[in-house]
Amino acid sequence: MLKTNCFFCKQTFQIDRSDPQYIKISKNPKASYVCKTCNRTMQKDAQTSTGLNPDTIDRYDRFLR
C-alpha cells in the first residue's frame, strides 16, 4: 500500500496494486496522483464544455473499459 495525496482535492489516499496509478506512483513517488472522484469530475467537465462523449468518438473503446 502506498500513501499519496490527490493533486486536486489534496486528500490523502492509500492505494494498492488494484489502482491503475499504482505503478506510476511506486516508480516515482513525486508523480501527481488524481483520485477517482476528481478524475470523474474532470471528465464530466470536459464532456460538458466540449460536447463530446468518448462513446461517440470511438464506439469500440467502451468494450475495452
PDB file of N, CA and C in Angstrom:
ATOM      1  N   MET A   1       0.838  -1.174   0.000  1.00  0.00           N
ATOM      2  CA  MET A   1       0.000   0.000   0.000  1.00  0.00           C
ATOM      3  C   MET A   1       0.889   1.246   0.000  1.00  0.00           C
ATOM      4  N   LEU A   2       0.490   2.200  -0.801  1.00  0.00           N
ATOM      5  CA  LEU A   2       1.200   3.465  -0.861  1.00  0.00           C
ATOM      6  C   LEU A   2       0.291   4.581  -0.373  1.00  0.00           C
ATOM      7  N   LYS A   3       0.870   5.522   0.308  1.00  0.00           N
ATOM      8  CA  LYS A   3       0.124   6.686   0.773  1.00  0.00           C
ATOM      9  C   LYS A   3       0.467   7.847  -0.152  1.00  0.00           C
ATOM     10  N   THR A   4      -0.558   8.513  -0.684  1.00  0.00           N
ATOM     11  CA  THR A   4      -0.337   9.613  -1.619  1.00  0.00           C
ATOM     12  C   THR A   4      -1.465  10.637  -1.500  1.00  0.00           C
ATOM     13  N   ASN A   5      -1.223  11.836  -2.001  1.00  0.00           N
ATOM     14  CA  ASN A   5      -2.218  12.909  -1.965  1.00  0.00           C
ATOM     15  C   ASN A   5      -2.731  13.182  -3.369  1.00  0.00           C
ATOM     16  N   CYS A   6      -4.025  13.472  -3.449  1.00  0.00           N
ATOM     17  CA  CYS A   6      -4.630  13.834  -4.729  1.00  0.00           C
ATOM     18  C   CYS A   6      -4.132  15.222  -5.128  1.00  0.00           C
ATOM     19  N   PHE A   7      -3.801  15.391  -6.380  1.00  0.00           N
ATOM     20  CA  PHE A   7      -3.290  16.649  -6.900  1.00  0.00           C
ATOM     21  C   PHE A   7      -4.327  17.767  -6.789  1.00  0.00           C
ATOM     22  N   PHE A   8      -5.610  17.436  -6.926  1.00  0.00           N
ATOM     23  CA  PHE A   8      -6.656  18.454  -6.944  1.00  0.00           C
ATOM     24  C   PHE A   8      -7.298  18.697  -5.580  1.00  0.00           C
ATOM     25  N   CYS A   9      -7.806  17.659  -4.934  1.00  0.00           N
ATOM     26  CA  CYS A   9      -8.533  17.862  -3.677  1.00  0.00           C
ATOM     27  C   CYS A   9      -7.631  17.808  -2.449  1.00  0.00           C
ATOM     28  N   LYS A  10      -6.383  17.403  -2.613  1.00  0.00           N
ATOM     29  CA  LYS A  10      -5.374  17.374  -1.544  1.00  0.00           C
ATOM     30  C   LYS A  10      -5.677  16.383  -0.430  1.00  0.00           C
ATOM     31  N   GLN A  11      -6.622  15.482  -0.630  1.00  0.00           N
ATOM     32  CA  GLN A  11      -6.903  14.457   0.371  1.00  0.00           C
ATOM     33  C   GLN A  11      -5.867  13.357   0.276  1.00  0.00           C
ATOM     34  N   THR A  12      -5.630  12.679   1.386  1.00  0.00           N
ATOM     35  CA  THR A  12      -4.664  11.586   1.433  1.00  0.00           C
ATOM     36  C   THR A  12      -5.365  10.272   1.131  1.00  0.00           C
ATOM     37  N   PHE A  13      -4.747   9.453   0.292  1.00  0.00           N
ATOM     38  CA  PHE A  13      -5.299   8.163  -0.096  1.00  0.00           C
ATOM     39  C   PHE A  13      -4.245   7.090   0.065  1.00  0.00           C
ATOM     40  N   GLN A  14      -4.695   5.893   0.393  1.00  0.00           N
ATOM     41  CA  GLN A  14      -3.821   4.728   0.386  1.00  0.00           C
ATOM     42  C   GLN A  14      -4.226   3.894  -0.815  1.00  0.00           C
ATOM     43  N   ILE A  15      -3.296   3.701  -1.723  1.00  0.00           N
ATOM     44  CA  ILE A  15      -3.607   2.954  -2.938  1.00  0.00           C
ATOM     45  C   ILE A  15      -2.858   1.626  -2.916  1.00  0.00           C
ATOM     46  N   ASP A  16      -3.459   0.638  -3.536  1.00  0.00           N
ATOM     47  CA  ASP A  16      -2.816  -0.667  -3.641  1.00  0.00           C
ATOM     48  C   ASP A  16      -2.657  -1.026  -5.117  1.00  0.00           C
ATOM     49  N   ARG A  17      -2.236  -2.230  -5.371  1.00  0.00           N
ATOM     50  CA  ARG A  17      -1.944  -2.649  -6.751  1.00  0.00           C
ATOM     51  C   ARG A  17      -3.166  -2.634  -7.662  1.00  0.00           C
ATOM     52  N   SER A  18      -4.356  -2.614  -7.100  1.00  0.00           N
ATOM     53  CA  SER A  18      -5.556  -2.598  -7.937  1.00  0.00           C
ATOM     54  C   SER A  18      -5.818  -1.219  -8.555  1.00  0.00           C
ATOM     55  N   ASP A  19      -5.180  -0.180  -8.025  1.00  0.00           N
ATOM     56  CA  ASP A  19      -5.347   1.169  -8.563  1.00  0.00           C
ATOM     57  C   ASP A  19      -4.526   1.316  -9.840  1.00  0.00           C
ATOM     58  N   PRO A  20      -5.122   1.846 -10.911  1.00  0.00           N
ATOM     59  CA  PRO A  20      -4.396   1.987 -12.186  1.00  0.00           C
ATOM     60  C   PRO A  20      -3.141   2.869 -12.093  1.00  0.00           C
ATOM     61  N   GLN A  21      -3.079   3.771 -11.109  1.00  0.00           N
ATOM     62  CA  GLN A  21      -1.945   4.678 -10.998  1.00  0.00           C
ATOM     63  C   GLN A  21      -0.871   4.164 -10.038  1.00  0.00           C
ATOM     64  N   TYR A  22      -1.051   2.970  -9.503  1.00  0.00           N
ATOM     65  CA  TYR A  22      -0.133   2.422  -8.505  1.00  0.00           C
ATOM     66  C   TYR A  22       1.301   2.321  -9.034  1.00  0.00           C
ATOM     67  N   ILE A  23       1.457   1.789 -10.215  1.00  0.00           N
ATOM     68  CA  ILE A  23       2.807   1.590 -10.774  1.00  0.00           C
ATOM     69  C   ILE A  23       3.500   2.928 -10.983  1.00  0.00           C
ATOM     70  N   LYS A  24       2.749   3.920 -11.503  1.00  0.00           N
ATOM     71  CA  LYS A  24       3.318   5.256 -11.733  1.00  0.00           C
ATOM     72  C   LYS A  24       3.815   5.854 -10.418  1.00  0.00           C
ATOM     73  N   ILE A  25       3.025   5.749  -9.361  1.00  0.00           N
ATOM     74  CA  ILE A  25       3.393   6.325  -8.064  1.00  0.00           C
ATOM     75  C   ILE A  25       4.520   5.534  -7.416  1.00  0.00           C
ATOM     76  N   SER A  26       4.516   4.219  -7.567  1.00  0.00           N
ATOM     77  CA  SER A  26       5.572   3.414  -6.947  1.00  0.00           C
ATOM     78  C   SER A  26       6.929   3.676  -7.605  1.00  0.00           C
ATOM     79  N   LYS A  27       6.940   3.931  -8.909  1.00  0.00           N
ATOM     80  CA  LYS A  27       8.198   4.217  -9.596  1.00  0.00           C
ATOM     81  C   LYS A  27       8.677   5.638  -9.347  1.00  0.00           C
ATOM     82  N   ASN A  28       7.731   6.569  -9.182  1.00  0.00           N
ATOM     83  CA  ASN A  28       8.080   7.968  -8.967  1.00  0.00           C
ATOM     84  C   ASN A  28       7.151   8.544  -7.891  1.00  0.00           C
ATOM     85  N   PRO A  29       7.553   8.504  -6.626  1.00  0.00           N
ATOM     86  CA  PRO A  29       6.694   8.988  -5.537  1.00  0.00           C
ATOM     87  C   PRO A  29       6.289  10.460  -5.668  1.00  0.00           C
ATOM     88  N   LYS A  30       7.018  11.243  -6.446  1.00  0.00           N
ATOM     89  CA  LYS A  30       6.681  12.659  -6.623  1.00  0.00           C
ATOM     90  C   LYS A  30       5.703  12.881  -7.778  1.00  0.00           C
ATOM     91  N   ALA A  31       5.303  11.820  -8.455  1.00  0.00           N
ATOM     92  CA  ALA A  31       4.350  11.941  -9.566  1.00  0.00           C
ATOM     93  C   ALA A  31       2.988  12.351  -9.025  1.00  0.00           C
ATOM     94  N   SER A  32       2.221  13.027  -9.847  1.00  0.00           N
ATOM     95  CA  SER A  32       0.893  13.501  -9.442  1.00  0.00           C
ATOM     96  C   SER A  32      -0.107  12.357  -9.460  1.00  0.00           C
ATOM     97  N   TYR A  33      -0.911  12.306  -8.420  1.00  0.00           N
ATOM     98  CA  TYR A  33      -1.987  11.322  -8.307  1.00  0.00           C
ATOM     99  C   TYR A  33      -3.315  12.054  -8.374  1.00  0.00           C
ATOM    100  N   VAL A  34      -4.278  11.513  -9.117  1.00  0.00           N
ATOM    101  CA  VAL A  34      -5.618  12.086  -9.200  1.00  0.00           C
ATOM    102  C   VAL A  34      -6.597  11.010  -8.733  1.00  0.00           C
ATOM    103  N   CYS A  35      -7.358  11.323  -7.691  1.00  0.00           N
ATOM    104  CA  CYS A  35      -8.299  10.341  -7.141  1.00  0.00           C
ATOM    105  C   CYS A  35      -9.441  10.101  -8.122  1.00  0.00           C
ATOM    106  N   LYS A  36     -10.188   9.032  -7.885  1.00  0.00           N
ATOM    107  CA  LYS A  36     -11.270   8.649  -8.796  1.00  0.00           C
ATOM    108  C   LYS A  36     -12.368   9.707  -8.857  1.00  0.00           C
ATOM    109  N   THR A  37     -12.676  10.316  -7.726  1.00  0.00           N
ATOM    110  CA  THR A  37     -13.724  11.344  -7.698  1.00  0.00           C
ATOM    111  C   THR A  37     -13.324  12.551  -8.539  1.00  0.00           C
ATOM    112  N   CYS A  38     -12.110  13.043  -8.353  1.00  0.00           N
ATOM    113  CA  CYS A  38     -11.634  14.195  -9.135  1.00  0.00           C
ATOM    114  C   CYS A  38     -11.517  13.833 -10.615  1.00  0.00           C
ATOM    115  N   ASN A  39     -11.104  12.622 -10.897  1.00  0.00           N
ATOM    116  CA  ASN A  39     -10.978  12.170 -12.284  1.00  0.00           C
ATOM    117  C   ASN A  39     -12.337  12.183 -12.978  1.00  0.00           C
ATOM    118  N   ARG A  40     -13.376  11.635 -12.308  1.00  0.00           N
ATOM    119  CA  ARG A  40     -14.720  11.631 -12.883  1.00  0.00           C
ATOM    120  C   ARG A  40     -15.241  13.055 -13.088  1.00  0.00           C
ATOM    121  N   THR A  41     -14.977  13.925 -12.115  1.00  0.00           N
ATOM    122  CA  THR A  41     -15.420  15.311 -12.217  1.00  0.00           C
ATOM    123  C   THR A  41     -14.763  16.002 -13.404  1.00  0.00           C
ATOM    124  N   MET A  42     -13.470  15.792 -13.585  1.00  0.00           N
ATOM    125  CA  MET A  42     -12.756  16.399 -14.716  1.00  0.00           C
ATOM    126  C   MET A  42     -13.289  15.866 -16.041  1.00  0.00           C
ATOM    127  N   GLN A  43     -13.586  14.573 -16.117  1.00  0.00           N
ATOM    128  CA  GLN A  43     -14.121  14.000 -17.348  1.00  0.00           C
ATOM    129  C   GLN A  43     -15.491  14.588 -17.676  1.00  0.00           C
ATOM    130  N   LYS A  44     -16.344  14.716 -16.660  1.00  0.00           N
ATOM    131  CA  LYS A  44     -17.674  15.285 -16.890  1.00  0.00           C
ATOM    132  C   LYS A  44     -17.575  16.742 -17.326  1.00  0.00           C
ATOM    133  N   ASP A  45     -16.672  17.500 -16.697  1.00  0.00           N
ATOM    134  CA  ASP A  45     -16.488  18.897 -17.089  1.00  0.00           C
ATOM    135  C   ASP A  45     -16.001  19.006 -18.530  1.00  0.00           C
ATOM    136  N   ALA A  46     -15.080  18.140 -18.917  1.00  0.00           N
ATOM    137  CA  ALA A  46     -14.563  18.160 -20.285  1.00  0.00           C
ATOM    138  C   ALA A  46     -15.657  17.798 -21.281  1.00  0.00           C
ATOM    139  N   GLN A  47     -16.475  16.812 -20.942  1.00  0.00           N
ATOM    140  CA  GLN A  47     -17.565  16.419 -21.825  1.00  0.00           C
ATOM    141  C   GLN A  47     -18.585  17.540 -21.970  1.00  0.00           C
ATOM    142  N   THR A  48     -18.868  18.226 -20.868  1.00  0.00           N
ATOM    143  CA  THR A  48     -19.839  19.314 -20.898  1.00  0.00           C
ATOM    144  C   THR A  48     -19.321  20.491 -21.715  1.00  0.00           C
ATOM    145  N   SER A  49     -18.056  20.853 -21.508  1.00  0.00           N
ATOM    146  CA  SER A  49     -17.523  22.027 -22.194  1.00  0.00           C
ATOM    147  C   SER A  49     -17.284  21.788 -23.686  1.00  0.00           C
ATOM    148  N   THR A  50     -16.937  20.554 -24.063  1.00  0.00           N
ATOM    149  CA  THR A  50     -16.671  20.271 -25.477  1.00  0.00           C
ATOM    150  C   THR A  50     -17.886  19.717 -26.197  1.00  0.00           C
ATOM    151  N   GLY A  51     -18.798  19.122 -25.437  1.00  0.00           N
ATOM    152  CA  GLY A  51     -19.955  18.490 -26.061  1.00  0.00           C
ATOM    153  C   GLY A  51     -19.644  17.132 -26.649  1.00  0.00           C
ATOM    154  N   LEU A  52     -18.427  16.639 -26.403  1.00  0.00           N
ATOM    155  CA  LEU A  52     -18.023  15.337 -26.930  1.00  0.00           C
ATOM    156  C   LEU A  52     -18.202  14.260 -25.865  1.00  0.00           C
ATOM    157  N   ASN A  53     -18.600  13.096 -26.307  1.00  0.00           N
ATOM    158  CA  ASN A  53     -18.728  11.947 -25.432  1.00  0.00           C
ATOM    159  C   ASN A  53     -17.757  10.882 -25.937  1.00  0.00           C
ATOM    160  N   PRO A  54     -16.966  10.264 -25.064  1.00  0.00           N
ATOM    161  CA  PRO A  54     -15.999   9.263 -25.532  1.00  0.00           C
ATOM    162  C   PRO A  54     -16.634   8.125 -26.326  1.00  0.00           C
ATOM    163  N   ASP A  55     -17.873   7.775 -26.005  1.00  0.00           N
ATOM    164  CA  ASP A  55     -18.539   6.689 -26.729  1.00  0.00           C
ATOM    165  C   ASP A  55     -18.840   7.058 -28.170  1.00  0.00           C
ATOM    166  N   THR A  56     -19.030   8.341 -28.458  1.00  0.00           N
ATOM    167  CA  THR A  56     -19.313   8.746 -29.833  1.00  0.00           C
ATOM    168  C   THR A  56     -18.041   8.881 -30.660  1.00  0.00           C
ATOM    169  N   ILE A  57     -16.911   9.070 -29.983  1.00  0.00           N
ATOM    170  CA  ILE A  57     -15.646   9.200 -30.702  1.00  0.00           C
ATOM    171  C   ILE A  57     -15.154   7.835 -31.159  1.00  0.00           C
ATOM    172  N   ASP A  58     -15.099   6.887 -30.236  1.00  0.00           N
ATOM    173  CA  ASP A  58     -14.635   5.537 -30.556  1.00  0.00           C
ATOM    174  C   ASP A  58     -15.634   4.550 -29.963  1.00  0.00           C
ATOM    175  N   ARG A  59     -16.535   4.065 -30.790  1.00  0.00           N
ATOM    176  CA  ARG A  59     -17.609   3.218 -30.264  1.00  0.00           C
ATOM    177  C   ARG A  59     -17.115   1.870 -29.764  1.00  0.00           C
ATOM    178  N   TYR A  60     -15.906   1.431 -30.134  1.00  0.00           N
ATOM    179  CA  TYR A  60     -15.378   0.149 -29.684  1.00  0.00           C
ATOM    180  C   TYR A  60     -14.598   0.273 -28.384  1.00  0.00           C
ATOM    181  N   ASP A  61     -14.225   1.505 -28.013  1.00  0.00           N
ATOM    182  CA  ASP A  61     -13.458   1.720 -26.790  1.00  0.00           C
ATOM    183  C   ASP A  61     -14.235   1.306 -25.549  1.00  0.00           C
ATOM    184  N   ARG A  62     -15.552   1.452 -25.563  1.00  0.00           N
ATOM    185  CA  ARG A  62     -16.351   1.114 -24.378  1.00  0.00           C
ATOM    186  C   ARG A  62     -16.256  -0.361 -24.034  1.00  0.00           C
ATOM    187  N   PHE A  63     -15.930  -1.225 -24.998  1.00  0.00           N
ATOM    188  CA  PHE A  63     -15.774  -2.646 -24.711  1.00  0.00           C
ATOM    189  C   PHE A  63     -14.451  -2.938 -24.023  1.00  0.00           C
ATOM    190  N   LEU A  64     -13.497  -2.040 -24.158  1.00  0.00           N
ATOM    191  CA  LEU A  64     -12.180  -2.233 -23.543  1.00  0.00           C
ATOM    192  C   LEU A  64     -12.126  -1.703 -22.114  1.00  0.00           C
ATOM    193  N   ARG A  65     -13.088  -0.875 -21.727  1.00  0.00           N
ATOM    194  CA  ARG A  65     -13.096  -0.295 -20.374  1.00  0.00           C
ATOM    195  C   ARG A  65     -13.627  -1.260 -19.362  1.00  0.00           C
TER     196      ARG A  65
END
